[in-house]
């Protein structure tokens, strides 16, 4: 993968880590239609935002806001555990992409603490406070900045990405787990899926799906604790001879309970025959 730093080498050595991350997050938000994120402004925060490690009241408000969106968008009353699963899926995908996107585009891994993320209950937009910690490779101009740590090679940087996602999501799963009503393996399976699917999506967004798939496979080549499985992409061939990448999720976001006829194409409930039917259609 080619490094695509947002700043020039000279600027990187003078720009503090939070400013570099602000630029990176804004680039991702502009690039990814499915990502809704804004940068927190010092001293200001919309009244209806919550952090998921702030206590039970905040978690319940987060889940209820998702249930309200499901009622509005799908005319469906979702049980609390379904609303919690859908909300957790959106959170894990979005926050995971903030970290994995910077890794893919710039070969840097930001540390995003749970307290750095707030969720707007009205819109579902994620508000991020850029942190001061960054991991990068030797030769990166940002290596000279305070708060930056250097690792030796790409494999080590991928391990740092897994660690950053796991450290962020651990407390979030503890907070949301009782509402989702699933065990640890299933919860971490959902996080694994969303880490993979975020990179896959970013590859498609950039017009290079294969690069997104390679990146996801590099980050999760197999089970790496606490992630219970790897990217595990495979191909399906349509009648025109074209190969289409697919995978089967380790967990389930429960969308099928809202729209039974529209289960996700990577859902364990969606067989290959149905996936091919959709591809042919």
Protein backbone atom coordinates (compact mmCIF):
# COMPACT_ATOMS: atom_id res chain seq x y z
CA UNK A 1 0.00 0.00 0.00
CA UNK A 2 1.20 3.50 -0.80
CA UNK A 3 1.37 6.01 2.03
CA UNK A 4 -0.89 8.99 1.37
CA UNK A 5 -0.10 11.51 4.09
CA UNK A 6 -2.44 14.44 4.31
CA UNK A 7 0.29 16.94 5.13
CA UNK A 8 3.66 17.64 3.59
CA UNK A 9 6.72 16.31 5.39
CA UNK A 10 7.56 19.78 6.68
CA UNK A 11 4.04 20.37 7.98
CA UNK A 12 3.92 16.94 9.65
CA UNK A 13 6.92 17.77 11.79
CA UNK A 14 5.31 21.00 12.97
CA UNK A 15 1.62 20.08 13.22
CA UNK A 16 0.47 18.60 16.56
CA UNK A 17 -1.04 15.12 16.49
CA UNK A 18 -4.62 16.34 17.22
CA UNK A 19 -4.48 18.61 14.17
CA UNK A 20 -3.18 15.81 11.96
CA UNK A 21 -6.02 13.59 13.17
CA UNK A 22 -8.58 16.34 12.66
CA UNK A 23 -7.54 16.55 9.00
CA UNK A 24 -7.61 12.76 8.65
CA UNK A 25 -11.07 12.39 10.20
CA UNK A 26 -12.47 15.17 8.02
CA UNK A 27 -11.06 13.51 4.94
CA UNK A 28 -12.69 10.21 5.90
CA UNK A 29 -16.02 11.91 6.57
CA UNK A 30 -15.91 13.61 3.17
CA UNK A 31 -14.89 10.40 1.41
CA UNK A 32 -17.35 8.01 3.11
CA UNK A 33 -21.03 8.73 2.56
CA UNK A 34 -22.02 6.12 5.15
CA UNK A 35 -19.85 7.71 7.87
CA UNK A 36 -21.36 10.56 9.88
CA UNK A 37 -18.74 12.20 12.09
CA UNK A 38 -17.89 15.68 13.23
CA UNK A 39 -14.95 17.08 15.11
CA UNK A 40 -15.67 18.22 18.67
CA UNK A 41 -15.12 21.92 19.21
CA UNK A 42 -13.41 22.79 22.54
CA UNK A 43 -15.91 23.93 25.13
CA UNK A 44 -18.97 23.13 23.03
CA UNK A 45 -21.08 20.02 22.60
CA UNK A 46 -24.69 19.61 21.46
CA UNK A 47 -27.06 19.13 24.37
CA UNK A 48 -28.24 15.68 23.30
CA UNK A 49 -24.97 13.78 23.04
CA UNK A 50 -23.87 10.86 25.18
CA UNK A 51 -20.73 8.86 25.80
CA UNK A 52 -21.26 5.13 26.21
CA UNK A 53 -19.01 4.77 29.24
CA UNK A 54 -20.74 7.53 31.20
CA UNK A 55 -23.22 5.24 32.94
CA UNK A 56 -26.48 3.38 32.52
CA UNK A 57 -28.58 6.46 31.81
CA UNK A 58 -26.44 7.37 28.79
CA UNK A 59 -26.51 3.82 27.45
CA UNK A 60 -30.29 3.61 27.78
CA UNK A 61 -30.68 6.94 25.98
CA UNK A 62 -28.41 5.65 23.20
CA UNK A 63 -30.49 2.49 22.76
CA UNK A 64 -33.81 4.33 22.90
CA UNK A 65 -32.62 6.82 20.27
CA UNK A 66 -31.85 3.90 17.93
CA UNK A 67 -35.26 2.36 18.63
CA UNK A 68 -36.85 5.71 17.70
CA UNK A 69 -34.92 5.82 14.41
CA UNK A 70 -36.04 2.28 13.58
CA UNK A 71 -39.66 3.28 14.21
CA UNK A 72 -39.26 6.36 12.02
CA UNK A 73 -37.34 4.81 9.13
CA UNK A 74 -38.84 1.31 9.04
CA UNK A 75 -42.23 1.68 10.73
CA UNK A 76 -41.19 -1.13 13.03
CA UNK A 77 -41.14 -1.43 16.81
CA UNK A 78 -37.86 -3.16 17.66
CA UNK A 79 -37.34 -5.01 20.94
CA UNK A 80 -34.71 -3.40 23.10
CA UNK A 81 -32.06 -6.03 22.37
CA UNK A 82 -32.54 -5.51 18.62
CA UNK A 83 -32.24 -1.73 18.93
CA UNK A 84 -29.12 -2.22 21.08
CA UNK A 85 -27.59 -4.59 18.52
CA UNK A 86 -28.26 -2.19 15.65
CA UNK A 87 -26.83 0.73 17.64
CA UNK A 88 -23.74 -1.27 18.62
CA UNK A 89 -23.19 -2.31 15.00
CA UNK A 90 -23.30 1.32 13.84
CA UNK A 91 -20.97 2.38 16.64
CA UNK A 92 -18.41 -0.38 16.04
CA UNK A 93 -18.41 0.20 12.28
CA UNK A 94 -18.08 3.98 12.53
CA UNK A 95 -15.50 4.18 15.30
CA UNK A 96 -13.56 1.27 13.83
CA UNK A 97 -13.41 3.09 10.49
CA UNK A 98 -12.00 6.21 12.14
CA UNK A 99 -9.02 4.15 13.22
CA UNK A 100 -8.73 1.71 10.31
CA UNK A 101 -9.25 4.45 7.74
CA UNK A 102 -6.27 6.43 9.02
CA UNK A 103 -4.26 3.19 9.03
CA UNK A 104 -5.18 2.40 5.43
CA UNK A 105 -4.78 5.90 4.01
CA UNK A 106 -1.75 7.08 5.99
CA UNK A 107 -0.10 4.08 7.65
CA UNK A 108 -0.82 5.62 11.04
CA UNK A 109 -2.92 4.32 13.92
CA UNK A 110 -4.67 6.80 16.19
CA UNK A 111 -5.63 5.90 19.73
CA UNK A 112 -9.30 6.78 20.22
CA UNK A 113 -10.41 6.45 23.84
CA UNK A 114 -14.09 5.74 24.60
CA UNK A 115 -14.27 9.17 26.22
CA UNK A 116 -13.21 10.74 22.90
CA UNK A 117 -16.49 9.67 21.25
CA UNK A 118 -19.92 11.11 21.85
CA UNK A 119 -23.08 10.25 19.93
CA UNK A 120 -25.72 12.79 18.93
CA UNK A 121 -28.98 11.17 20.01
CA UNK A 122 -31.03 13.08 17.47
CA UNK A 123 -29.03 12.48 14.31
CA UNK A 124 -26.83 9.52 15.24
CA UNK A 125 -23.77 11.53 14.23
CA UNK A 126 -20.52 10.63 15.99
CA UNK A 127 -18.55 13.43 17.59
CA UNK A 128 -14.83 12.75 18.02
CA UNK A 129 -12.26 14.64 20.05
CA UNK A 130 -8.93 14.01 18.28
CA UNK A 131 -6.45 12.47 20.68
CA UNK A 132 -2.76 13.07 21.24
CA UNK A 133 -1.47 9.51 20.61
CA UNK A 134 -0.40 8.13 17.26
CA UNK A 135 1.54 5.06 16.13
CA UNK A 136 3.45 5.18 12.85
CA UNK A 137 6.27 3.57 10.86
CA UNK A 138 9.94 4.54 10.68
CA UNK A 139 10.51 7.40 8.28
CA UNK A 140 7.08 8.94 8.82
CA UNK A 141 7.58 12.69 9.44
CA UNK A 142 5.03 12.48 12.26
CA UNK A 143 7.43 10.22 14.17
CA UNK A 144 9.14 13.34 15.50
CA UNK A 145 5.99 14.68 17.15
CA UNK A 146 5.24 14.42 20.90
CA UNK A 147 2.78 11.61 21.58
CA UNK A 148 3.91 9.50 18.63
CA UNK A 149 5.29 5.98 18.92
CA UNK A 150 7.14 4.15 16.13
CA UNK A 151 6.82 0.44 15.32
CA UNK A 152 9.14 -1.46 13.03
CA UNK A 153 6.96 -2.68 10.16
CA UNK A 154 3.51 -3.07 8.65
CA UNK A 155 2.63 -6.23 10.58
CA UNK A 156 3.37 -4.46 13.86
CA UNK A 157 1.25 -1.51 12.74
CA UNK A 158 -1.63 -3.88 11.98
CA UNK A 159 -1.29 -5.32 15.48
CA UNK A 160 -1.46 -1.77 16.84
CA UNK A 161 -4.71 -1.23 14.95
CA UNK A 162 -6.22 -4.38 16.44
CA UNK A 163 -5.07 -3.28 19.88
CA UNK A 164 -6.50 0.22 19.47
CA UNK A 165 -9.89 -1.12 18.36
CA UNK A 166 -9.96 -3.73 21.13
CA UNK A 167 -8.99 -1.23 23.83
CA UNK A 168 -11.74 1.12 22.69
CA UNK A 169 -14.47 -1.46 22.27
CA UNK A 170 -13.84 -3.45 25.46
CA UNK A 171 -15.48 -0.91 27.80
CA UNK A 172 -18.23 -0.22 25.24
CA UNK A 173 -19.13 -3.92 25.07
CA UNK A 174 -19.22 -4.06 28.86
CA UNK A 175 -21.67 -1.16 28.88
CA UNK A 176 -23.90 -2.42 26.05
CA UNK A 177 -23.59 -6.19 26.55
CA UNK A 178 -26.52 -6.51 29.00
CA UNK A 179 -28.78 -4.71 26.51
CA UNK A 180 -27.64 -6.71 23.47
CA UNK A 181 -28.08 -9.99 25.40
CA UNK A 182 -25.25 -11.86 23.71
CA UNK A 183 -22.09 -13.44 25.03
CA UNK A 184 -18.54 -12.22 24.72
CA UNK A 185 -17.67 -14.24 21.61
CA UNK A 186 -20.72 -12.99 19.72
CA UNK A 187 -20.03 -9.39 20.73
CA UNK A 188 -16.40 -9.54 19.62
CA UNK A 189 -17.53 -11.31 16.46
CA UNK A 190 -19.67 -8.27 15.67
CA UNK A 191 -16.68 -5.97 16.26
CA UNK A 192 -14.54 -8.18 13.99
CA UNK A 193 -17.16 -8.01 11.25
CA UNK A 194 -17.40 -4.24 11.46
CA UNK A 195 -13.64 -3.76 11.38
CA UNK A 196 -13.49 -5.89 8.23
CA UNK A 197 -16.54 -4.37 6.56
CA UNK A 198 -15.33 -0.82 7.20
CA UNK A 199 -12.09 -1.48 5.31
CA UNK A 200 -14.00 -3.32 2.56
CA UNK A 201 -16.34 -0.33 2.23
CA UNK A 202 -13.45 2.14 2.14
CA UNK A 203 -11.82 0.15 -0.65
CA UNK A 204 -15.03 0.29 -2.71
CA UNK A 205 -15.41 3.99 -1.99
CA UNK A 206 -11.92 4.64 -3.35
CA UNK A 207 -12.62 2.59 -6.46
CA UNK A 208 -10.29 -0.23 -5.40
CA UNK A 209 -12.33 -2.94 -3.71
CA UNK A 210 -9.46 -5.41 -3.96
CA UNK A 211 -7.23 -3.10 -1.90
CA UNK A 212 -9.88 -2.88 0.82
CA UNK A 213 -10.16 -6.67 0.90
CA UNK A 214 -6.38 -7.08 1.11
CA UNK A 215 -6.25 -4.55 3.93
CA UNK A 216 -8.99 -6.30 5.89
CA UNK A 217 -7.26 -9.66 5.43
CA UNK A 218 -3.96 -8.14 6.60
CA UNK A 219 -5.54 -6.79 9.79
CA UNK A 220 -7.49 -9.96 10.55
CA UNK A 221 -5.80 -12.87 8.75
CA UNK A 222 -7.41 -15.18 11.29
CA UNK A 223 -8.52 -15.18 14.90
CA UNK A 224 -6.48 -12.72 16.96
CA UNK A 225 -7.68 -12.32 20.54
CA UNK A 226 -10.13 -10.89 21.36
CA UNK A 227 -11.32 -11.09 17.74
CA UNK A 228 -12.69 -14.63 17.23
CA UNK A 229 -12.13 -14.91 13.49
CA UNK A 230 -10.55 -13.43 10.40
CA UNK A 231 -11.73 -11.61 7.31
CA UNK A 232 -12.21 -14.93 5.45
CA UNK A 233 -13.20 -13.56 2.06
CA UNK A 234 -14.17 -15.94 -0.71
CA UNK A 235 -15.58 -15.57 -4.22
CA UNK A 236 -18.89 -16.33 -5.89
CA UNK A 237 -19.06 -16.64 -9.67
CA UNK A 238 -22.08 -15.31 -11.55
CA UNK A 239 -23.30 -16.70 -14.87
CA UNK A 240 -21.25 -14.14 -16.80
CA UNK A 241 -18.08 -15.64 -15.34
CA UNK A 242 -17.32 -12.70 -13.04
CA UNK A 243 -15.97 -13.33 -9.55
CA UNK A 244 -17.58 -11.43 -6.67
CA UNK A 245 -16.03 -11.23 -3.20
CA UNK A 246 -18.15 -12.21 -0.24
CA UNK A 247 -17.77 -13.38 3.32
CA UNK A 248 -20.04 -14.66 6.07
CA UNK A 249 -20.27 -12.56 9.17
CA UNK A 250 -19.16 -14.05 12.47
CA UNK A 251 -22.07 -12.36 14.21
CA UNK A 252 -25.38 -10.77 13.37
CA UNK A 253 -26.60 -7.17 13.57
CA UNK A 254 -30.24 -8.43 13.65
CA UNK A 255 -31.35 -6.35 10.67
CA UNK A 256 -33.25 -9.41 9.42
CA UNK A 257 -35.64 -9.01 12.37
CA UNK A 258 -36.61 -5.58 11.01
CA UNK A 259 -36.73 -6.50 7.30
CA UNK A 260 -36.88 -10.34 7.09
CA UNK A 261 -36.75 -10.35 3.29
CA UNK A 262 -33.71 -8.07 3.23
CA UNK A 263 -31.15 -9.81 5.43
CA UNK A 264 -27.62 -8.52 4.84
CA UNK A 265 -25.78 -10.18 1.94
CA UNK A 266 -23.07 -11.35 4.37
CA UNK A 267 -25.53 -12.53 7.04
CA UNK A 268 -25.13 -16.15 8.20
CA UNK A 269 -28.83 -16.54 7.29
CA UNK A 270 -28.21 -15.59 3.63
CA UNK A 271 -27.16 -18.64 1.61
CA UNK A 272 -24.90 -18.50 -1.43
CA UNK A 273 -27.84 -19.16 -3.77
CA UNK A 274 -29.56 -16.02 -2.48
CA UNK A 275 -26.33 -14.03 -2.70
CA UNK A 276 -25.95 -15.09 -6.34
CA UNK A 277 -29.59 -14.22 -7.05
CA UNK A 278 -28.96 -10.69 -5.78
CA UNK A 279 -25.76 -10.37 -7.79
CA UNK A 280 -27.49 -11.59 -10.95
CA UNK A 281 -30.44 -9.27 -10.37
